[in-house]
PDB file of N, CA and C in Angstrom:
ATOM      1  N   UNK A   1     -23.865  -8.249  25.310  1.00  0.00           N
ATOM      2  CA  UNK A   1     -23.453  -7.040  24.634  1.00  0.00           C
ATOM      3  C   UNK A   1     -23.278  -7.337  23.150  1.00  0.00           C
ATOM      4  N   UNK A   2     -23.791  -6.461  22.326  1.00  0.00           N
ATOM      5  CA  UNK A   2     -23.586  -6.579  20.880  1.00  0.00           C
ATOM      6  C   UNK A   2     -22.466  -5.643  20.483  1.00  0.00           C
ATOM      7  N   UNK A   3     -21.558  -6.155  19.673  1.00  0.00           N
ATOM      8  CA  UNK A   3     -20.469  -5.332  19.163  1.00  0.00           C
ATOM      9  C   UNK A   3     -20.386  -5.489  17.654  1.00  0.00           C
ATOM     10  N   UNK A   4     -19.774  -4.522  17.024  1.00  0.00           N
ATOM     11  CA  UNK A   4     -19.520  -4.565  15.592  1.00  0.00           C
ATOM     12  C   UNK A   4     -18.021  -4.424  15.399  1.00  0.00           C
ATOM     13  N   UNK A   5     -17.410  -5.342  14.668  1.00  0.00           N
ATOM     14  CA  UNK A   5     -15.978  -5.291  14.395  1.00  0.00           C
ATOM     15  C   UNK A   5     -15.788  -5.085  12.895  1.00  0.00           C
ATOM     16  N   UNK A   6     -15.051  -4.044  12.568  1.00  0.00           N
ATOM     17  CA  UNK A   6     -14.753  -3.720  11.170  1.00  0.00           C
ATOM     18  C   UNK A   6     -13.242  -3.813  11.031  1.00  0.00           C
ATOM     19  N   UNK A   7     -12.771  -4.586  10.066  1.00  0.00           N
ATOM     20  CA  UNK A   7     -11.329  -4.744   9.883  1.00  0.00           C
ATOM     21  C   UNK A   7     -10.997  -4.791   8.395  1.00  0.00           C
ATOM     22  N   UNK A   8      -9.782  -4.414   8.067  1.00  0.00           N
ATOM     23  CA  UNK A   8      -9.373  -4.436   6.670  1.00  0.00           C
ATOM     24  C   UNK A   8      -7.918  -4.057   6.512  1.00  0.00           C
ATOM     25  N   UNK A   9      -7.404  -4.138   5.287  1.00  0.00           N
ATOM     26  CA  UNK A   9      -6.005  -3.819   5.034  1.00  0.00           C
ATOM     27  C   UNK A   9      -5.780  -2.317   4.906  1.00  0.00           C
ATOM     28  N   UNK A  10      -4.557  -1.904   5.192  1.00  0.00           N
ATOM     29  CA  UNK A  10      -4.107  -0.549   4.895  1.00  0.00           C
ATOM     30  C   UNK A  10      -3.072  -0.705   3.787  1.00  0.00           C
ATOM     31  N   UNK A  11      -3.476  -0.438   2.566  1.00  0.00           N
ATOM     32  CA  UNK A  11      -2.589  -0.636   1.416  1.00  0.00           C
ATOM     33  C   UNK A  11      -1.565   0.480   1.337  1.00  0.00           C
ATOM     34  N   UNK A  12      -0.357   0.121   0.881  1.00  0.00           N
ATOM     35  CA  UNK A  12       0.739   1.072   0.765  1.00  0.00           C
ATOM     36  C   UNK A  12       1.611   0.678  -0.420  1.00  0.00           C
ATOM     37  N   UNK A  13       2.280   1.671  -0.973  1.00  0.00           N
ATOM     38  CA  UNK A  13       3.206   1.375  -2.075  1.00  0.00           C
ATOM     39  C   UNK A  13       4.426   0.596  -1.578  1.00  0.00           C
ATOM     40  N   UNK A  14       4.610   0.519  -0.256  1.00  0.00           N
ATOM     41  CA  UNK A  14       5.721  -0.222   0.332  1.00  0.00           C
ATOM     42  C   UNK A  14       5.376  -1.687   0.615  1.00  0.00           C
ATOM     43  N   UNK A  15       4.145  -2.097   0.347  1.00  0.00           N
ATOM     44  CA  UNK A  15       3.740  -3.479   0.587  1.00  0.00           C
ATOM     45  C   UNK A  15       4.535  -4.420  -0.317  1.00  0.00           C
ATOM     46  N   UNK A  16       5.004  -5.536   0.221  1.00  0.00           N
ATOM     47  CA  UNK A  16       5.750  -6.488  -0.612  1.00  0.00           C
ATOM     48  C   UNK A  16       4.827  -7.218  -1.586  1.00  0.00           C
ATOM     49  N   UNK A  17       5.426  -7.730  -2.635  1.00  0.00           N
ATOM     50  CA  UNK A  17       4.694  -8.512  -3.631  1.00  0.00           C
ATOM     51  C   UNK A  17       5.190  -9.942  -3.540  1.00  0.00           C
ATOM     52  N   UNK A  18       4.261 -10.869  -3.334  1.00  0.00           N
ATOM     53  CA  UNK A  18       4.578 -12.290  -3.262  1.00  0.00           C
ATOM     54  C   UNK A  18       3.757 -13.011  -4.332  1.00  0.00           C
ATOM     55  N   UNK A  19       4.442 -13.666  -5.259  1.00  0.00           N
ATOM     56  CA  UNK A  19       3.784 -14.402  -6.336  1.00  0.00           C
ATOM     57  C   UNK A  19       2.789 -13.521  -7.086  1.00  0.00           C
ATOM     58  N   UNK A  20       3.181 -12.251  -7.302  1.00  0.00           N
ATOM     59  CA  UNK A  20       2.356 -11.313  -8.065  1.00  0.00           C
ATOM     60  C   UNK A  20       1.228 -10.668  -7.286  1.00  0.00           C
ATOM     61  N   UNK A  21       1.162 -10.894  -5.981  1.00  0.00           N
ATOM     62  CA  UNK A  21       0.067 -10.358  -5.156  1.00  0.00           C
ATOM     63  C   UNK A  21       0.652  -9.423  -4.105  1.00  0.00           C
ATOM     64  N   UNK A  22       0.071  -8.223  -4.001  1.00  0.00           N
ATOM     65  CA  UNK A  22       0.482  -7.281  -2.952  1.00  0.00           C
ATOM     66  C   UNK A  22       0.008  -7.804  -1.601  1.00  0.00           C
ATOM     67  N   UNK A  23       0.914  -7.891  -0.633  1.00  0.00           N
ATOM     68  CA  UNK A  23       0.602  -8.356   0.718  1.00  0.00           C
ATOM     69  C   UNK A  23       0.636  -7.145   1.642  1.00  0.00           C
ATOM     70  N   UNK A  24      -0.509  -6.748   2.209  1.00  0.00           N
ATOM     71  CA  UNK A  24      -0.509  -5.578   3.092  1.00  0.00           C
ATOM     72  C   UNK A  24       0.335  -5.829   4.342  1.00  0.00           C
ATOM     73  N   UNK A  25       1.108  -4.823   4.709  1.00  0.00           N
ATOM     74  CA  UNK A  25       1.918  -4.894   5.925  1.00  0.00           C
ATOM     75  C   UNK A  25       1.067  -4.534   7.142  1.00  0.00           C
ATOM     76  N   UNK A  26       0.089  -3.628   6.941  1.00  0.00           N
ATOM     77  CA  UNK A  26      -0.722  -3.169   8.065  1.00  0.00           C
ATOM     78  C   UNK A  26      -2.204  -3.425   7.837  1.00  0.00           C
ATOM     79  N   UNK A  27      -2.911  -3.558   8.952  1.00  0.00           N
ATOM     80  CA  UNK A  27      -4.361  -3.735   8.955  1.00  0.00           C
ATOM     81  C   UNK A  27      -4.955  -2.814  10.008  1.00  0.00           C
ATOM     82  N   UNK A  28      -6.255  -2.512   9.854  1.00  0.00           N
ATOM     83  CA  UNK A  28      -6.938  -1.738  10.882  1.00  0.00           C
ATOM     84  C   UNK A  28      -8.047  -2.580  11.483  1.00  0.00           C
ATOM     85  N   UNK A  29      -8.431  -2.227  12.688  1.00  0.00           N
ATOM     86  CA  UNK A  29      -9.559  -2.878  13.354  1.00  0.00           C
ATOM     87  C   UNK A  29     -10.283  -1.816  14.163  1.00  0.00           C
ATOM     88  N   UNK A  30     -11.592  -1.719  13.956  1.00  0.00           N
ATOM     89  CA  UNK A  30     -12.445  -0.812  14.728  1.00  0.00           C
ATOM     90  C   UNK A  30     -13.491  -1.670  15.424  1.00  0.00           C
ATOM     91  N   UNK A  31     -13.581  -1.524  16.732  1.00  0.00           N
ATOM     92  CA  UNK A  31     -14.563  -2.252  17.526  1.00  0.00           C
ATOM     93  C   UNK A  31     -15.548  -1.218  18.062  1.00  0.00           C
ATOM     94  N   UNK A  32     -16.814  -1.326  17.681  1.00  0.00           N
ATOM     95  CA  UNK A  32     -17.845  -0.363  18.105  1.00  0.00           C
ATOM     96  C   UNK A  32     -18.919  -1.097  18.899  1.00  0.00           C
ATOM     97  N   UNK A  33     -19.429  -0.409  19.926  1.00  0.00           N
ATOM     98  CA  UNK A  33     -20.468  -1.021  20.763  1.00  0.00           C
ATOM     99  C   UNK A  33     -21.222   0.068  21.513  1.00  0.00           C
ATOM    100  N   UNK A  34     -22.396  -0.281  21.982  1.00  0.00           N
ATOM    101  CA  UNK A  34     -23.186   0.594  22.838  1.00  0.00           C
ATOM    102  C   UNK A  34     -22.858   0.226  24.281  1.00  0.00           C
ATOM    103  N   UNK A  35     -22.431   1.216  25.063  1.00  0.00           N
ATOM    104  CA  UNK A  35     -22.061   0.990  26.461  1.00  0.00           C
ATOM    105  C   UNK A  35     -23.291   0.558  27.251  1.00  0.00           C
ATOM    106  N   UNK A  36     -23.177  -0.533  28.013  1.00  0.00           N
ATOM    107  CA  UNK A  36     -24.308  -1.083  28.763  1.00  0.00           C
ATOM    108  C   UNK A  36     -24.899  -0.095  29.760  1.00  0.00           C
ATOM    109  N   UNK A  37     -24.058   0.673  30.415  1.00  0.00           N
ATOM    110  CA  UNK A  37     -24.531   1.570  31.475  1.00  0.00           C
ATOM    111  C   UNK A  37     -24.977   2.918  30.932  1.00  0.00           C
ATOM    112  N   UNK A  38     -24.143   3.546  30.098  1.00  0.00           N
ATOM    113  CA  UNK A  38     -24.435   4.908  29.634  1.00  0.00           C
ATOM    114  C   UNK A  38     -25.297   4.947  28.382  1.00  0.00           C
ATOM    115  N   UNK A  39     -25.298   3.877  27.614  1.00  0.00           N
ATOM    116  CA  UNK A  39     -26.037   3.871  26.351  1.00  0.00           C
ATOM    117  C   UNK A  39     -25.319   4.623  25.240  1.00  0.00           C
ATOM    118  N   UNK A  40     -24.079   5.089  25.504  1.00  0.00           N
ATOM    119  CA  UNK A  40     -23.300   5.835  24.516  1.00  0.00           C
ATOM    120  C   UNK A  40     -22.630   4.892  23.522  1.00  0.00           C
ATOM    121  N   UNK A  41     -22.489   5.377  22.296  1.00  0.00           N
ATOM    122  CA  UNK A  41     -21.720   4.655  21.292  1.00  0.00           C
ATOM    123  C   UNK A  41     -20.245   4.796  21.642  1.00  0.00           C
ATOM    124  N   UNK A  42     -19.544   3.689  21.751  1.00  0.00           N
ATOM    125  CA  UNK A  42     -18.124   3.674  22.099  1.00  0.00           C
ATOM    126  C   UNK A  42     -17.356   2.914  21.021  1.00  0.00           C
ATOM    127  N   UNK A  43     -16.065   3.191  20.957  1.00  0.00           N
ATOM    128  CA  UNK A  43     -15.239   2.445  20.002  1.00  0.00           C
ATOM    129  C   UNK A  43     -13.810   2.330  20.508  1.00  0.00           C
ATOM    130  N   UNK A  44     -13.144   1.334  19.986  1.00  0.00           N
ATOM    131  CA  UNK A  44     -11.733   1.135  20.224  1.00  0.00           C
ATOM    132  C   UNK A  44     -11.128   0.893  18.845  1.00  0.00           C
ATOM    133  N   UNK A  45     -10.032   1.582  18.524  1.00  0.00           N
ATOM    134  CA  UNK A  45      -9.479   1.542  17.172  1.00  0.00           C
ATOM    135  C   UNK A  45      -8.001   1.184  17.222  1.00  0.00           C
ATOM    136  N   UNK A  46      -7.597   0.354  16.286  1.00  0.00           N
ATOM    137  CA  UNK A  46      -6.216  -0.126  16.282  1.00  0.00           C
ATOM    138  C   UNK A  46      -5.687  -0.253  14.856  1.00  0.00           C
ATOM    139  N   UNK A  47      -4.373  -0.130  14.730  1.00  0.00           N
ATOM    140  CA  UNK A  47      -3.690  -0.595  13.530  1.00  0.00           C
ATOM    141  C   UNK A  47      -2.744  -1.698  13.980  1.00  0.00           C
ATOM    142  N   UNK A  48      -2.538  -2.651  13.109  1.00  0.00           N
ATOM    143  CA  UNK A  48      -1.685  -3.799  13.410  1.00  0.00           C
ATOM    144  C   UNK A  48      -0.672  -3.935  12.276  1.00  0.00           C
ATOM    145  N   UNK A  49       0.604  -4.023  12.644  1.00  0.00           N
ATOM    146  CA  UNK A  49       1.669  -4.166  11.652  1.00  0.00           C
ATOM    147  C   UNK A  49       2.277  -5.561  11.747  1.00  0.00           C
ATOM    148  N   UNK A  50       2.563  -6.133  10.581  1.00  0.00           N
ATOM    149  CA  UNK A  50       3.249  -7.421  10.539  1.00  0.00           C
ATOM    150  C   UNK A  50       4.600  -7.284   9.843  1.00  0.00           C
ATOM    151  N   UNK A  51       5.156  -6.067   9.847  1.00  0.00           N
ATOM    152  CA  UNK A  51       6.416  -5.806   9.153  1.00  0.00           C
ATOM    153  C   UNK A  51       7.559  -6.681   9.673  1.00  0.00           C
ATOM    154  N   UNK A  52       7.626  -6.900  10.979  1.00  0.00           N
ATOM    155  CA  UNK A  52       8.722  -7.702  11.531  1.00  0.00           C
ATOM    156  C   UNK A  52       8.560  -9.188  11.222  1.00  0.00           C
ATOM    157  N   UNK A  53       7.375  -9.575  10.773  1.00  0.00           N
ATOM    158  CA  UNK A  53       7.125 -10.982  10.459  1.00  0.00           C
ATOM    159  C   UNK A  53       7.346 -11.287   8.985  1.00  0.00           C
ATOM    160  N   UNK A  54       7.706 -10.270   8.189  1.00  0.00           N
ATOM    161  CA  UNK A  54       7.806 -10.451   6.748  1.00  0.00           C
ATOM    162  C   UNK A  54       9.193 -10.111   6.207  1.00  0.00           C
ATOM    163  N   UNK A  55      10.263 -10.543   6.841  1.00  0.00           N
ATOM    164  CA  UNK A  55      11.578 -10.174   6.327  1.00  0.00           C
ATOM    165  C   UNK A  55      11.949 -10.887   5.032  1.00  0.00           C
ATOM    166  N   UNK A  56      11.402 -12.067   4.808  1.00  0.00           N
ATOM    167  CA  UNK A  56      11.750 -12.834   3.611  1.00  0.00           C
ATOM    168  C   UNK A  56      10.504 -13.333   2.919  1.00  0.00           C
ATOM    169  N   UNK A  57      10.669 -14.323   2.098  1.00  0.00           N
ATOM    170  CA  UNK A  57       9.547 -14.864   1.334  1.00  0.00           C
ATOM    171  C   UNK A  57       8.658 -15.770   2.177  1.00  0.00           C
ATOM    172  N   UNK A  58       9.154 -16.237   3.326  1.00  0.00           N
ATOM    173  CA  UNK A  58       8.395 -17.161   4.161  1.00  0.00           C
ATOM    174  C   UNK A  58       7.677 -16.403   5.268  1.00  0.00           C
ATOM    175  N   UNK A  59       6.383 -16.713   5.472  1.00  0.00           N
ATOM    176  CA  UNK A  59       5.635 -16.081   6.554  1.00  0.00           C
ATOM    177  C   UNK A  59       5.993 -16.756   7.869  1.00  0.00           C
ATOM    178  N   UNK A  60       6.226 -15.938   8.899  1.00  0.00           N
ATOM    179  CA  UNK A  60       6.579 -16.445  10.220  1.00  0.00           C
ATOM    180  C   UNK A  60       5.502 -16.013  11.205  1.00  0.00           C
ATOM    181  N   UNK A  61       4.909 -16.961  11.938  1.00  0.00           N
ATOM    182  CA  UNK A  61       3.907 -16.614  12.937  1.00  0.00           C
ATOM    183  C   UNK A  61       4.585 -16.006  14.150  1.00  0.00           C
ATOM    184  N   UNK A  62       3.959 -15.009  14.753  1.00  0.00           N
ATOM    185  CA  UNK A  62       4.535 -14.385  15.937  1.00  0.00           C
ATOM    186  C   UNK A  62       3.697 -13.213  16.395  1.00  0.00           C
ATOM    187  N   UNK A  63       4.262 -12.415  17.282  1.00  0.00           N
ATOM    188  CA  UNK A  63       3.582 -11.258  17.841  1.00  0.00           C
ATOM    189  C   UNK A  63       3.469 -10.158  16.784  1.00  0.00           C
ATOM    190  N   UNK A  64       2.289  -9.544  16.703  1.00  0.00           N
ATOM    191  CA  UNK A  64       2.080  -8.396  15.842  1.00  0.00           C
ATOM    192  C   UNK A  64       2.311  -7.134  16.647  1.00  0.00           C
ATOM    193  N   UNK A  65       2.716  -6.044  15.985  1.00  0.00           N
ATOM    194  CA  UNK A  65       2.812  -4.754  16.634  1.00  0.00           C
ATOM    195  C   UNK A  65       1.441  -4.086  16.522  1.00  0.00           C
ATOM    196  N   UNK A  66       0.838  -3.757  17.660  1.00  0.00           N
ATOM    197  CA  UNK A  66      -0.507  -3.188  17.696  1.00  0.00           C
ATOM    198  C   UNK A  66      -0.446  -1.784  18.267  1.00  0.00           C
ATOM    199  N   UNK A  67      -1.166  -0.839  17.623  1.00  0.00           N
ATOM    200  CA  UNK A  67      -1.166   0.553  18.044  1.00  0.00           C
ATOM    201  C   UNK A  67      -2.596   1.070  18.130  1.00  0.00           C
ATOM    202  N   UNK A  68      -2.917   1.762  19.216  1.00  0.00           N
ATOM    203  CA  UNK A  68      -4.214   2.442  19.300  1.00  0.00           C
ATOM    204  C   UNK A  68      -4.126   3.676  18.431  1.00  0.00           C
ATOM    205  N   UNK A  69      -5.231   4.023  17.781  1.00  0.00           N
ATOM    206  CA  UNK A  69      -5.235   5.150  16.858  1.00  0.00           C
ATOM    207  C   UNK A  69      -6.632   5.758  16.806  1.00  0.00           C
ATOM    208  N   UNK A  70      -6.820   6.745  15.971  1.00  0.00           N
ATOM    209  CA  UNK A  70      -8.122   7.397  15.819  1.00  0.00           C
ATOM    210  C   UNK A  70      -8.819   6.892  14.557  1.00  0.00           C
ATOM    211  N   UNK A  71     -10.127   7.033  14.537  1.00  0.00           N
ATOM    212  CA  UNK A  71     -10.886   6.675  13.334  1.00  0.00           C
ATOM    213  C   UNK A  71     -10.453   7.571  12.179  1.00  0.00           C
ATOM    214  N   UNK A  72     -10.187   8.846  12.455  1.00  0.00           N
ATOM    215  CA  UNK A  72      -9.748   9.782  11.416  1.00  0.00           C
ATOM    216  C   UNK A  72      -8.445   9.300  10.780  1.00  0.00           C
ATOM    217  N   UNK A  73      -7.497   8.830  11.600  1.00  0.00           N
ATOM    218  CA  UNK A  73      -6.237   8.328  11.079  1.00  0.00           C
ATOM    219  C   UNK A  73      -6.467   7.126  10.162  1.00  0.00           C
ATOM    220  N   UNK A  74      -7.337   6.224  10.570  1.00  0.00           N
ATOM    221  CA  UNK A  74      -7.663   5.054   9.743  1.00  0.00           C
ATOM    222  C   UNK A  74      -8.313   5.507   8.443  1.00  0.00           C
ATOM    223  N   UNK A  75      -9.232   6.470   8.534  1.00  0.00           N
ATOM    224  CA  UNK A  75      -9.911   6.978   7.341  1.00  0.00           C
ATOM    225  C   UNK A  75      -8.904   7.567   6.349  1.00  0.00           C
ATOM    226  N   UNK A  76      -7.972   8.358   6.830  1.00  0.00           N
ATOM    227  CA  UNK A  76      -6.976   8.990   5.956  1.00  0.00           C
ATOM    228  C   UNK A  76      -6.090   7.943   5.308  1.00  0.00           C
ATOM    229  N   UNK A  77      -5.684   6.953   6.058  1.00  0.00           N
ATOM    230  CA  UNK A  77      -4.739   5.951   5.555  1.00  0.00           C
ATOM    231  C   UNK A  77      -5.385   4.906   4.635  1.00  0.00           C
ATOM    232  N   UNK A  78      -6.694   4.745   4.719  1.00  0.00           N
ATOM    233  CA  UNK A  78      -7.348   3.765   3.851  1.00  0.00           C
ATOM    234  C   UNK A  78      -8.052   4.452   2.711  1.00  0.00           C
TER     235      UNK A  78
END
């Protein structure tokens, strides 16, 4: 199966600044593919937040908050 993954930041005025660089709190991911059986174009869309991982100046590895969403929502927010 061939898939296409498109991902990027969702910039916001609430993004923290670290060493003069804006660090996005949220990202989007769109996974698109042709269904093997139906031949239809399908997609799965998500936003991912790392807000709980950024309380201070140090980055902490851990679970991200992931939400299913629509392509329209991603388009509006980016």
